[in-house]
Structure formats: structure tokens, C-alpha cells
Protein backbone atom coordinates (compact mmCIF):
# COMPACT_ATOMS: atom_id res chain seq x y z
CA MET A 1 -0.03 -22.17 16.15
CA ALA A 2 2.07 -22.42 19.29
CA ASN A 3 5.84 -22.48 19.08
CA SER A 4 7.38 -24.41 21.91
CA GLY A 5 10.75 -24.89 23.51
CA PRO A 6 14.14 -23.51 22.59
CA GLY A 7 15.99 -25.29 19.78
CA GLY A 8 19.00 -27.35 20.65
CA PRO A 9 21.82 -27.99 18.21
CA LEU A 10 20.63 -27.60 14.65
CA LYS A 11 19.84 -30.91 13.00
CA ALA A 12 18.77 -31.63 9.45
CA TRP A 13 15.19 -30.44 8.97
CA PRO A 14 13.60 -30.71 12.42
CA CYS A 15 9.89 -29.86 12.70
CA MET A 16 10.70 -26.52 14.29
CA ILE A 17 14.00 -24.72 14.64
CA THR A 18 14.80 -21.76 16.86
CA LEU A 19 17.58 -19.43 15.86
CA SER A 20 19.57 -17.20 18.17
CA GLU A 21 17.40 -14.26 17.08
CA GLY A 22 14.28 -16.16 18.13
CA ILE A 23 13.16 -16.89 14.56
CA ARG A 24 11.29 -20.17 14.26
CA PHE A 25 10.31 -22.16 11.18
CA THR A 26 7.51 -24.67 11.06
CA GLU A 27 7.76 -27.82 8.97
CA ARG A 28 5.35 -26.26 6.45
CA GLN A 29 7.45 -23.09 6.17
CA ARG A 30 10.51 -25.22 5.55
CA GLN A 31 8.64 -27.06 2.79
CA VAL A 32 7.72 -23.74 1.20
CA VAL A 33 11.36 -22.58 1.38
CA GLN A 34 12.46 -25.75 -0.43
CA LEU A 35 9.82 -25.35 -3.14
CA ILE A 36 10.73 -21.68 -3.65
CA ALA A 37 14.38 -22.75 -3.92
CA GLU A 38 13.32 -25.25 -6.61
CA GLY A 39 11.75 -22.36 -8.54
CA CYS A 40 8.08 -23.15 -7.91
CA SER A 41 5.44 -20.45 -8.24
CA ASN A 42 2.76 -19.98 -5.59
CA VAL A 43 0.35 -21.95 -7.78
CA GLU A 44 2.86 -24.82 -8.09
CA ILE A 45 3.56 -24.73 -4.34
CA ALA A 46 -0.18 -24.89 -3.70
CA GLU A 47 -0.59 -27.89 -5.99
CA ARG A 48 2.36 -29.74 -4.45
CA LEU A 49 1.27 -29.12 -0.85
CA GLY A 50 -2.48 -29.39 -1.31
CA ILE A 51 -3.18 -25.81 -0.23
CA SER A 52 -4.65 -22.78 -1.99
CA PRO A 53 -2.41 -20.39 -3.96
CA ARG A 54 -3.45 -17.65 -1.52
CA THR A 55 -2.19 -19.75 1.41
CA ALA A 56 1.07 -20.41 -0.46
CA LYS A 57 1.48 -16.66 -0.94
CA ALA A 58 0.76 -16.08 2.75
CA HIS A 59 3.52 -18.54 3.69
CA SER A 60 5.88 -16.71 1.33
CA ASP A 61 4.95 -13.33 2.82
CA ILE A 62 5.52 -14.60 6.36
CA LEU A 63 8.90 -16.05 5.34
CA ARG A 64 9.92 -12.74 3.74
CA SER A 65 9.03 -10.96 6.96
CA LYS A 66 10.81 -13.46 9.22
CA LEU A 67 13.93 -13.45 7.06
CA ARG A 68 13.81 -9.67 6.54
CA VAL A 69 13.99 -9.79 2.76
CA THR A 70 11.94 -7.82 0.26
CA ARG A 71 11.82 -10.27 -2.63
CA ARG A 72 10.51 -13.82 -2.72
CA ARG A 73 13.54 -15.03 -4.64
CA GLN A 74 15.76 -13.97 -1.70
CA ILE A 75 14.07 -16.40 0.69
CA PRO A 76 16.20 -19.52 0.02
CA MET A 77 19.54 -17.73 0.46
CA ALA A 78 18.34 -15.82 3.51
CA PHE A 79 17.14 -19.12 4.99
CA ARG A 80 20.56 -20.66 4.37
CA ASP A 81 22.28 -17.65 5.92
CA ALA A 82 19.97 -17.77 8.95
CA THR A 83 20.10 -21.53 9.56
CA GLY A 84 23.34 -22.71 7.95
CA GLU A 85 21.30 -25.36 6.12
CA SER A 86 20.71 -25.83 2.43
CA PRO A 87 17.17 -24.98 1.31
CA PHE A 88 17.52 -27.65 -1.38
CA GLU A 89 17.77 -30.63 0.99
CA SER A 90 14.84 -32.99 1.22
CA LEU A 91 12.51 -32.14 4.08
CA GLU A 92 10.86 -35.50 4.44
CA PRO A 93 10.42 -38.68 2.39
CA THR A 94 7.07 -37.47 1.06
CA ALA A 95 8.10 -33.92 0.18
CA GLY A 96 6.05 -32.71 -2.74
CA VAL A 97 3.27 -35.23 -2.21
CA ARG A 98 -0.15 -33.88 -1.38
CA ASP A 99 -1.41 -34.71 2.10
CA ASP A 100 -5.05 -35.82 1.74
CA SER A 101 -5.39 -36.71 5.41
CA ARG A 102 -7.58 -33.64 5.94
CA SER A 103 -10.03 -34.44 3.16
CA THR A 104 -13.69 -33.71 3.82
CA ASP A 105 -15.12 -36.94 2.41
């Protein structure tokens, strides 16, 4: 996935945000941060986002690495410290609703 362009002033939940350290968050990563902040397990995150539990764990692992924390439960506060934004804010009107647009019917 390509990350493009430097971030301007931080706005509420843009698709991608660039921090002064060069850390970027995709919309999906931001969704995972919010769900972790709400106390969801990887299985619950997977169900809410329509992904596999293994993919949910991978997102969590990447976030831990980006935010330089060792425990999953540290992700929301590290995100807030890094961005200045609350991990509990709604990401989009359909947050928590499965996206079936990629179905294989």
C-alpha cells in the first residue's frame, strides 16, 4: 500500500495522517485503534470489520510497532499521544459495519 504526500494540519480522522516522525496511519489502522480502545478482542475486531482474526492481529502488531509499545492495550493511549486525537472518536458514519463490497458472489 503506498503512502502519499505529507500531512497538513491534523484534522479529525483523515484517511491518512503523517506525523512529524513520519508515522502514517491508514483508515483501517485508525479503525483498529478505535476498536481496541473500545475493548474489542482480535476476534471481535475481525467480525466488526469483516476481516480474519489473523488480519486483525496483524494490524495490531503493526500498530504496536509503529507506536513503539509492547502491549496491545497501550495502543490507544500511544495513538493519542502521537496524534493528539482521541482514539474513541467515531472514524466514519459506518464504523463497525462490515464492508461487503469485496464479496466474491
